[in-house]
Amino acid sequence: MIKLKSSKEIKLMREAGKIVAEVLELMGQTVKPGVTTARLDSVAESRIRKHGAEPAFLGYNNFPASICASVNNEVVHGIPSLRRLKEGDIISIDVGVYRKGYYGDAAATFAVGKISAEAHKLIDVTRASLQKAIEKMQSGNRLSDISHAVQAYVEQNAMSVVRNYVGHGIGEQMHEEPQVPNFGLPGRGPLLQPGIALAIEPMVNAGSWEVEVLDDQWTVVTSDDSLSAHFEHTVVLGENGPEVMTSSSFS
């Protein structure tokens, strides 16, 4: 069942989302060649707790870290480690925050130093596909209008949308109904109404859409070893259209 959020709930989600956005800004400032993904995790957790909030991912289904840090061909759910970022890498960082009973969730993909033209295009296309999706989050539209907007834009740019993992509703739980695929025909699924809260998150591969999970049972990688990017926002539909709760300069 889709739970529409009250104005009080939206206010609390806005507060959680603001922390998520701040952490992603901090990640963008901290990412550089030589930094370990474990360091990024430590910096993120410290900033989250500074605000009296909790890292939503830490311990979630036994996930061992506060952020997901996915490098190059890693799509999502990368576990922070002593791995050092190198010039030319790209890294997708997913941040979740729990505060006062509500969740915020967002992700962005960052360049590590100077990156290839292909990597630049992948990041730009993925970010833009998220904006195309948010534009479709309007009263009277259907859920799949969001999904279709992502797929259409990505495929116009000769890239592919990951199909095994989807966005989701969000609020008192990190993952609520409905699921939000990044592909599909328009005009299908639930009618969008004010109060619906979604975590919309295109995951886009430079190559084919197929993925697999590594032996750590978390890290998802592209099957063809192509680069992957990930952008996500927590968005609530208001009376005057969509409100992005997690906006930062990197997304």
C-alpha atoms as a PDB file:
ATOM      1  CA  MET A   1       0.000   0.000   0.000  1.00  0.00           C
ATOM      2  CA  ILE A   2       1.261   3.476  -0.901  1.00  0.00           C
ATOM      3  CA  LYS A   3       1.203   5.794   2.123  1.00  0.00           C
ATOM      4  CA  LEU A   4       0.690   9.466   1.288  1.00  0.00           C
ATOM      5  CA  LYS A   5       2.662  11.792   3.543  1.00  0.00           C
ATOM      6  CA  SER A   6       1.147  14.566   5.656  1.00  0.00           C
ATOM      7  CA  SER A   7       2.610  18.073   5.815  1.00  0.00           C
ATOM      8  CA  LYS A   8       4.179  17.197   9.189  1.00  0.00           C
ATOM      9  CA  GLU A   9       5.780  14.086   7.729  1.00  0.00           C
ATOM     10  CA  ILE A  10       7.044  16.011   4.716  1.00  0.00           C
ATOM     11  CA  LYS A  11       8.691  18.533   7.037  1.00  0.00           C
ATOM     12  CA  LEU A  12      10.552  15.743   8.835  1.00  0.00           C
ATOM     13  CA  MET A  13      11.573  14.157   5.542  1.00  0.00           C
ATOM     14  CA  ARG A  14      12.799  17.547   4.347  1.00  0.00           C
ATOM     15  CA  GLU A  15      15.080  17.732   7.417  1.00  0.00           C
ATOM     16  CA  ALA A  16      16.496  14.254   6.781  1.00  0.00           C
ATOM     17  CA  GLY A  17      16.961  15.055   3.105  1.00  0.00           C
ATOM     18  CA  LYS A  18      18.878  18.211   3.890  1.00  0.00           C
ATOM     19  CA  ILE A  19      21.408  16.156   5.843  1.00  0.00           C
ATOM     20  CA  VAL A  20      21.749  13.691   2.959  1.00  0.00           C
ATOM     21  CA  ALA A  21      22.413  16.565   0.560  1.00  0.00           C
ATOM     22  CA  GLU A  22      25.026  18.049   2.865  1.00  0.00           C
ATOM     23  CA  VAL A  23      26.825  14.715   3.131  1.00  0.00           C
ATOM     24  CA  LEU A  24      26.855  14.300  -0.651  1.00  0.00           C
ATOM     25  CA  GLU A  25      28.330  17.811  -0.971  1.00  0.00           C
ATOM     26  CA  LEU A  26      31.005  16.760   1.501  1.00  0.00           C
ATOM     27  CA  MET A  27      31.673  13.587  -0.458  1.00  0.00           C
ATOM     28  CA  GLY A  28      32.158  15.612  -3.629  1.00  0.00           C
ATOM     29  CA  GLN A  29      34.699  17.775  -1.834  1.00  0.00           C
ATOM     30  CA  THR A  30      36.527  14.773  -0.356  1.00  0.00           C
ATOM     31  CA  VAL A  31      36.733  12.511  -3.433  1.00  0.00           C
ATOM     32  CA  LYS A  32      40.194  12.737  -5.002  1.00  0.00           C
ATOM     33  CA  PRO A  33      43.000  10.412  -6.112  1.00  0.00           C
ATOM     34  CA  GLY A  34      44.559   8.565  -3.173  1.00  0.00           C
ATOM     35  CA  VAL A  35      41.558   8.711  -0.845  1.00  0.00           C
ATOM     36  CA  THR A  36      40.244   5.352   0.363  1.00  0.00           C
ATOM     37  CA  THR A  37      36.576   4.526   0.207  1.00  0.00           C
ATOM     38  CA  ALA A  38      36.802   3.676   3.924  1.00  0.00           C
ATOM     39  CA  ARG A  39      37.865   7.276   4.563  1.00  0.00           C
ATOM     40  CA  LEU A  40      34.833   8.521   2.657  1.00  0.00           C
ATOM     41  CA  ASP A  41      32.645   6.275   4.803  1.00  0.00           C
ATOM     42  CA  SER A  42      34.189   7.625   8.017  1.00  0.00           C
ATOM     43  CA  VAL A  43      33.757  11.247   6.939  1.00  0.00           C
ATOM     44  CA  ALA A  44      30.132  10.625   5.941  1.00  0.00           C
ATOM     45  CA  GLU A  45      29.208   8.844   9.165  1.00  0.00           C
ATOM     46  CA  SER A  46      30.782  11.587  11.277  1.00  0.00           C
ATOM     47  CA  ARG A  47      28.794  14.305   9.506  1.00  0.00           C
ATOM     48  CA  ILE A  48      25.525  12.349   9.742  1.00  0.00           C
ATOM     49  CA  ARG A  49      25.938  11.817  13.484  1.00  0.00           C
ATOM     50  CA  LYS A  50      26.926  15.460  13.986  1.00  0.00           C
ATOM     51  CA  HIS A  51      23.338  16.307  13.037  1.00  0.00           C
ATOM     52  CA  GLY A  52      21.893  13.876  15.583  1.00  0.00           C
ATOM     53  CA  ALA A  53      20.913  11.486  12.803  1.00  0.00           C
ATOM     54  CA  GLU A  54      21.828   7.881  12.068  1.00  0.00           C
ATOM     55  CA  PRO A  55      23.372   6.362   8.936  1.00  0.00           C
ATOM     56  CA  ALA A  56      20.462   4.412   7.489  1.00  0.00           C
ATOM     57  CA  PHE A  57      22.556   1.808   5.693  1.00  0.00           C
ATOM     58  CA  LEU A  58      24.776   0.778   8.606  1.00  0.00           C
ATOM     59  CA  GLY A  59      23.521  -2.630   9.752  1.00  0.00           C
ATOM     60  CA  TYR A  60      20.660  -2.667   7.226  1.00  0.00           C
ATOM     61  CA  ASN A  61      20.404  -6.372   6.373  1.00  0.00           C
ATOM     62  CA  ASN A  62      23.889  -6.540   7.935  1.00  0.00           C
ATOM     63  CA  PHE A  63      25.441  -4.033   5.509  1.00  0.00           C
ATOM     64  CA  PRO A  64      28.774  -3.132   7.184  1.00  0.00           C
ATOM     65  CA  ALA A  65      29.121   0.572   6.349  1.00  0.00           C
ATOM     66  CA  SER A  66      27.393   3.957   6.389  1.00  0.00           C
ATOM     67  CA  ILE A  67      27.585   4.644   2.649  1.00  0.00           C
ATOM     68  CA  CYS A  68      27.656   2.565  -0.493  1.00  0.00           C
ATOM     69  CA  ALA A  69      30.786   3.336  -2.519  1.00  0.00           C
ATOM     70  CA  SER A  70      30.727   1.812  -6.011  1.00  0.00           C
ATOM     71  CA  VAL A  71      33.737   2.368  -8.289  1.00  0.00           C
ATOM     72  CA  ASN A  72      33.866   2.184 -12.103  1.00  0.00           C
ATOM     73  CA  ASN A  73      32.080  -1.046 -13.142  1.00  0.00           C
ATOM     74  CA  GLU A  74      30.375  -1.351  -9.734  1.00  0.00           C
ATOM     75  CA  VAL A  75      26.717  -0.415 -10.075  1.00  0.00           C
ATOM     76  CA  VAL A  76      25.468  -0.197  -6.480  1.00  0.00           C
ATOM     77  CA  HIS A  77      26.070  -1.511  -2.954  1.00  0.00           C
ATOM     78  CA  GLY A  78      29.870  -1.294  -3.055  1.00  0.00           C
ATOM     79  CA  ILE A  79      31.363  -1.801   0.405  1.00  0.00           C
ATOM     80  CA  PRO A  80      33.864   0.842   1.554  1.00  0.00           C
ATOM     81  CA  SER A  81      37.374  -0.544   2.055  1.00  0.00           C
ATOM     82  CA  LEU A  82      41.058   0.378   2.024  1.00  0.00           C
ATOM     83  CA  ARG A  83      40.912   0.620  -1.753  1.00  0.00           C
ATOM     84  CA  ARG A  84      42.391   3.918  -2.923  1.00  0.00           C
ATOM     85  CA  LEU A  85      40.740   5.920  -5.650  1.00  0.00           C
ATOM     86  CA  LYS A  86      42.845   6.538  -8.758  1.00  0.00           C
ATOM     87  CA  GLU A  87      42.918   9.352 -11.295  1.00  0.00           C
ATOM     88  CA  GLY A  88      40.316   8.562 -13.935  1.00  0.00           C
ATOM     89  CA  ASP A  89      38.009   6.524 -11.684  1.00  0.00           C
ATOM     90  CA  ILE A  90      34.363   7.347 -11.198  1.00  0.00           C
ATOM     91  CA  ILE A  91      32.643   6.586  -7.905  1.00  0.00           C
ATOM     92  CA  SER A  92      28.934   6.360  -7.111  1.00  0.00           C
ATOM     93  CA  ILE A  93      28.161   7.221  -3.483  1.00  0.00           C
ATOM     94  CA  ASP A  94      24.768   6.399  -1.985  1.00  0.00           C
ATOM     95  CA  VAL A  95      23.823   8.065   1.320  1.00  0.00           C
ATOM     96  CA  GLY A  96      20.895   7.257   3.592  1.00  0.00           C
ATOM     97  CA  VAL A  97      19.912   9.110   6.770  1.00  0.00           C
ATOM     98  CA  TYR A  98      17.412   8.317   9.515  1.00  0.00           C
ATOM     99  CA  ARG A  99      16.260  11.171  11.725  1.00  0.00           C
ATOM    100  CA  LYS A 100      13.201  11.668  13.929  1.00  0.00           C
ATOM    101  CA  GLY A 101      11.457   8.625  12.478  1.00  0.00           C
ATOM    102  CA  TYR A 102      11.954   9.397   8.771  1.00  0.00           C
ATOM    103  CA  TYR A 103      14.432   8.562   6.043  1.00  0.00           C
ATOM    104  CA  GLY A 104      16.256  10.467   3.335  1.00  0.00           C
ATOM    105  CA  ASP A 105      18.128   8.734   0.519  1.00  0.00           C
ATOM    106  CA  ALA A 106      20.190  10.044  -2.400  1.00  0.00           C
ATOM    107  CA  ALA A 107      23.173   9.173  -4.573  1.00  0.00           C
ATOM    108  CA  ALA A 108      25.556  10.834  -6.988  1.00  0.00           C
ATOM    109  CA  THR A 109      28.449   9.765  -9.181  1.00  0.00           C
ATOM    110  CA  PHE A 110      31.707  11.704  -8.916  1.00  0.00           C
ATOM    111  CA  ALA A 111      34.759  12.041 -11.136  1.00  0.00           C
ATOM    112  CA  VAL A 112      38.119  11.246  -9.552  1.00  0.00           C
ATOM    113  CA  GLY A 113      40.434  13.768 -11.132  1.00  0.00           C
ATOM    114  CA  LYS A 114      40.417  13.861 -14.923  1.00  0.00           C
ATOM    115  CA  ILE A 115      38.140  11.212 -16.438  1.00  0.00           C
ATOM    116  CA  SER A 116      37.476   9.926 -19.946  1.00  0.00           C
ATOM    117  CA  ALA A 117      34.956  11.440 -22.346  1.00  0.00           C
ATOM    118  CA  GLU A 118      32.906   8.234 -22.074  1.00  0.00           C
ATOM    119  CA  ALA A 119      32.786   8.539 -18.291  1.00  0.00           C
ATOM    120  CA  HIS A 120      31.788  12.204 -18.509  1.00  0.00           C
ATOM    121  CA  LYS A 121      28.956  11.363 -20.884  1.00  0.00           C
ATOM    122  CA  LEU A 122      27.760   8.502 -18.673  1.00  0.00           C
ATOM    123  CA  ILE A 123      27.606  10.768 -15.627  1.00  0.00           C
ATOM    124  CA  ASP A 124      25.846  13.539 -17.550  1.00  0.00           C
ATOM    125  CA  VAL A 125      23.288  11.195 -19.100  1.00  0.00           C
ATOM    126  CA  THR A 126      22.488   9.504 -15.784  1.00  0.00           C
ATOM    127  CA  ARG A 127      22.076  12.821 -13.959  1.00  0.00           C
ATOM    128  CA  ALA A 128      19.873  14.183 -16.749  1.00  0.00           C
ATOM    129  CA  SER A 129      17.725  11.039 -16.807  1.00  0.00           C
ATOM    130  CA  LEU A 130      16.921  11.603 -13.138  1.00  0.00           C
ATOM    131  CA  GLN A 131      15.797  15.145 -13.912  1.00  0.00           C
ATOM    132  CA  LYS A 132      13.623  13.851 -16.765  1.00  0.00           C
ATOM    133  CA  ALA A 133      12.017  11.430 -14.305  1.00  0.00           C
ATOM    134  CA  ILE A 134      11.379  14.104 -11.683  1.00  0.00           C
ATOM    135  CA  GLU A 135       9.651  16.271 -14.303  1.00  0.00           C
ATOM    136  CA  LYS A 136       7.123  13.460 -14.786  1.00  0.00           C
ATOM    137  CA  MET A 137       6.285  13.374 -11.060  1.00  0.00           C
ATOM    138  CA  GLN A 138       3.070  15.358 -11.494  1.00  0.00           C
ATOM    139  CA  SER A 139      -0.455  14.836 -10.185  1.00  0.00           C
ATOM    140  CA  GLY A 140      -2.456  12.840 -12.705  1.00  0.00           C
ATOM    141  CA  ASN A 141       0.527  11.082 -14.222  1.00  0.00           C
ATOM    142  CA  ARG A 142       1.109   7.389 -13.701  1.00  0.00           C
ATOM    143  CA  LEU A 143       4.076   5.845 -11.912  1.00  0.00           C
ATOM    144  CA  SER A 144       5.417   4.303 -15.112  1.00  0.00           C
ATOM    145  CA  ASP A 145       5.646   7.762 -16.712  1.00  0.00           C
ATOM    146  CA  ILE A 146       8.622   8.281 -14.395  1.00  0.00           C
ATOM    147  CA  SER A 147      10.108   4.933 -15.378  1.00  0.00           C
ATOM    148  CA  HIS A 148       9.653   5.511 -19.085  1.00  0.00           C
ATOM    149  CA  ALA A 149      11.261   8.948 -18.942  1.00  0.00           C
ATOM    150  CA  VAL A 150      14.496   7.429 -17.636  1.00  0.00           C
ATOM    151  CA  GLN A 151      14.619   4.607 -20.155  1.00  0.00           C
ATOM    152  CA  ALA A 152      13.786   6.796 -23.142  1.00  0.00           C
ATOM    153  CA  TYR A 153      16.461   9.359 -22.380  1.00  0.00           C
ATOM    154  CA  VAL A 154      19.161   6.805 -21.567  1.00  0.00           C
ATOM    155  CA  GLU A 155      18.532   4.715 -24.668  1.00  0.00           C
ATOM    156  CA  GLN A 156      18.472   7.814 -26.860  1.00  0.00           C
ATOM    157  CA  ASN A 157      22.049   8.248 -25.711  1.00  0.00           C
ATOM    158  CA  ALA A 158      23.044   4.658 -26.577  1.00  0.00           C
ATOM    159  CA  MET A 159      23.365   3.522 -22.967  1.00  0.00           C
ATOM    160  CA  SER A 160      21.351   1.027 -20.935  1.00  0.00           C
ATOM    161  CA  VAL A 161      19.229   1.037 -17.792  1.00  0.00           C
ATOM    162  CA  VAL A 162      19.849  -1.559 -15.092  1.00  0.00           C
ATOM    163  CA  ARG A 163      16.689  -3.633 -14.700  1.00  0.00           C
ATOM    164  CA  ASN A 164      17.457  -5.785 -11.663  1.00  0.00           C
ATOM    165  CA  TYR A 165      17.358  -2.894  -9.177  1.00  0.00           C
ATOM    166  CA  VAL A 166      14.737  -0.175  -8.822  1.00  0.00           C
ATOM    167  CA  GLY A 167      13.803   2.944  -6.897  1.00  0.00           C
ATOM    168  CA  HIS A 168      11.225   2.866  -4.132  1.00  0.00           C
ATOM    169  CA  GLY A 169       8.806   4.654  -1.897  1.00  0.00           C
ATOM    170  CA  ILE A 170      10.330   6.183   1.232  1.00  0.00           C
ATOM    171  CA  GLY A 171       9.207   7.641   4.541  1.00  0.00           C
ATOM    172  CA  GLU A 172       9.002   5.899   7.906  1.00  0.00           C
ATOM    173  CA  GLN A 173      10.750   2.984   6.199  1.00  0.00           C
ATOM    174  CA  MET A 174      13.703   3.284   3.879  1.00  0.00           C
ATOM    175  CA  HIS A 175      12.002   1.012   1.343  1.00  0.00           C
ATOM    176  CA  GLU A 176       8.256   1.416   1.015  1.00  0.00           C
ATOM    177  CA  GLU A 177       5.736   0.804  -1.743  1.00  0.00           C
ATOM    178  CA  PRO A 178       5.757   1.406  -4.633  1.00  0.00           C
ATOM    179  CA  GLN A 179       8.762   0.065  -6.481  1.00  0.00           C
ATOM    180  CA  VAL A 180       9.989   2.532  -9.115  1.00  0.00           C
ATOM    181  CA  PRO A 181      11.616   0.796 -12.104  1.00  0.00           C
ATOM    182  CA  ASN A 182      13.782   2.812 -14.486  1.00  0.00           C
ATOM    183  CA  PHE A 183      12.195   1.232 -17.550  1.00  0.00           C
ATOM    184  CA  GLY A 184       8.765   0.402 -18.926  1.00  0.00           C
ATOM    185  CA  LEU A 185       5.868   1.700 -20.991  1.00  0.00           C
ATOM    186  CA  PRO A 186       4.231   5.002 -19.974  1.00  0.00           C
ATOM    187  CA  GLY A 187       0.717   5.390 -18.610  1.00  0.00           C
ATOM    188  CA  ARG A 188       0.725   2.414 -16.272  1.00  0.00           C
ATOM    189  CA  GLY A 189       0.707   1.793 -12.540  1.00  0.00           C
ATOM    190  CA  PRO A 190      -0.656   3.887  -9.658  1.00  0.00           C
ATOM    191  CA  LEU A 191      -1.893   7.411 -10.217  1.00  0.00           C
ATOM    192  CA  LEU A 192       0.491   9.985  -8.718  1.00  0.00           C
ATOM    193  CA  GLN A 193      -1.087  12.091  -5.956  1.00  0.00           C
ATOM    194  CA  PRO A 194       0.156  14.843  -3.637  1.00  0.00           C
ATOM    195  CA  GLY A 195       1.903  13.307  -0.649  1.00  0.00           C
ATOM    196  CA  ILE A 196       3.559  10.453  -2.507  1.00  0.00           C
ATOM    197  CA  ALA A 197       7.263  10.204  -1.626  1.00  0.00           C
ATOM    198  CA  LEU A 198       9.679   8.388  -3.921  1.00  0.00           C
ATOM    199  CA  ALA A 199      13.378   7.648  -4.057  1.00  0.00           C
ATOM    200  CA  ILE A 200      13.969   7.806  -7.806  1.00  0.00           C
ATOM    201  CA  GLU A 201      17.336   6.331  -8.761  1.00  0.00           C
ATOM    202  CA  PRO A 202      18.498   5.667 -12.307  1.00  0.00           C
ATOM    203  CA  MET A 203      21.377   3.178 -12.531  1.00  0.00           C
ATOM    204  CA  VAL A 204      22.882   3.436 -16.010  1.00  0.00           C
ATOM    205  CA  ASN A 205      25.543   1.338 -17.736  1.00  0.00           C
ATOM    206  CA  ALA A 206      27.743   2.448 -20.597  1.00  0.00           C
ATOM    207  CA  GLY A 207      27.404  -1.087 -22.007  1.00  0.00           C
ATOM    208  CA  SER A 208      24.668  -3.686 -21.592  1.00  0.00           C
ATOM    209  CA  TRP A 209      22.132  -3.660 -18.778  1.00  0.00           C
ATOM    210  CA  GLU A 210      23.050  -7.058 -17.343  1.00  0.00           C
ATOM    211  CA  VAL A 211      24.640  -7.164 -13.885  1.00  0.00           C
ATOM    212  CA  GLU A 212      25.856  -9.704 -11.338  1.00  0.00           C
ATOM    213  CA  VAL A 213      26.591  -9.784  -7.621  1.00  0.00           C
ATOM    214  CA  LEU A 214      30.105 -10.419  -6.304  1.00  0.00           C
ATOM    215  CA  ASP A 215      31.009 -13.014  -3.681  1.00  0.00           C
ATOM    216  CA  ASP A 216      30.612 -10.446  -0.878  1.00  0.00           C
ATOM    217  CA  GLN A 217      26.856 -10.766  -1.588  1.00  0.00           C
ATOM    218  CA  TRP A 218      26.512  -6.990  -1.839  1.00  0.00           C
ATOM    219  CA  THR A 219      28.539  -5.409  -4.631  1.00  0.00           C
ATOM    220  CA  VAL A 220      26.679  -5.337  -7.941  1.00  0.00           C
ATOM    221  CA  VAL A 221      28.864  -5.065 -11.060  1.00  0.00           C
ATOM    222  CA  THR A 222      28.228  -4.833 -14.792  1.00  0.00           C
ATOM    223  CA  SER A 223      28.444  -8.217 -16.483  1.00  0.00           C
ATOM    224  CA  ASP A 224      30.438  -6.789 -19.398  1.00  0.00           C
ATOM    225  CA  ASP A 225      32.795  -4.751 -17.155  1.00  0.00           C
ATOM    226  CA  SER A 226      31.472  -1.466 -18.576  1.00  0.00           C
ATOM    227  CA  LEU A 227      31.281   1.692 -16.475  1.00  0.00           C
ATOM    228  CA  SER A 228      28.150   2.392 -14.428  1.00  0.00           C
ATOM    229  CA  ALA A 229      26.711   5.553 -12.855  1.00  0.00           C
ATOM    230  CA  HIS A 230      23.990   6.138 -10.259  1.00  0.00           C
ATOM    231  CA  PHE A 231      22.019   9.234  -9.283  1.00  0.00           C
ATOM    232  CA  GLU A 232      19.155   9.355  -6.797  1.00  0.00           C
ATOM    233  CA  HIS A 233      16.886  11.883  -5.119  1.00  0.00           C
ATOM    234  CA  THR A 234      14.183  11.685  -2.488  1.00  0.00           C
ATOM    235  CA  VAL A 235      11.229  13.516  -4.026  1.00  0.00           C
ATOM    236  CA  VAL A 236       7.808  14.353  -2.575  1.00  0.00           C
ATOM    237  CA  LEU A 237       4.899  15.378  -4.769  1.00  0.00           C
ATOM    238  CA  GLY A 238       3.266  18.544  -3.423  1.00  0.00           C
ATOM    239  CA  GLU A 239       0.242  20.523  -4.567  1.00  0.00           C
ATOM    240  CA  ASN A 240       2.478  22.554  -6.891  1.00  0.00           C
ATOM    241  CA  GLY A 241       4.596  19.711  -8.239  1.00  0.00           C
ATOM    242  CA  PRO A 242       7.639  17.708  -7.142  1.00  0.00           C
ATOM    243  CA  GLU A 243       9.899  18.861  -4.314  1.00  0.00           C
ATOM    244  CA  VAL A 244      13.419  17.429  -4.305  1.00  0.00           C
ATOM    245  CA  MET A 245      14.434  16.856  -0.677  1.00  0.00           C
ATOM    246  CA  THR A 246      18.066  15.979  -1.367  1.00  0.00           C
ATOM    247  CA  SER A 247      19.296  18.527  -3.914  1.00  0.00           C
ATOM    248  CA  SER A 248      23.035  19.247  -3.986  1.00  0.00           C
ATOM    249  CA  SER A 249      25.431  20.899  -6.436  1.00  0.00           C
ATOM    250  CA  PHE A 250      26.550  17.456  -7.594  1.00  0.00           C
ATOM    251  CA  SER A 251      23.049  16.259  -8.513  1.00  0.00           C
END
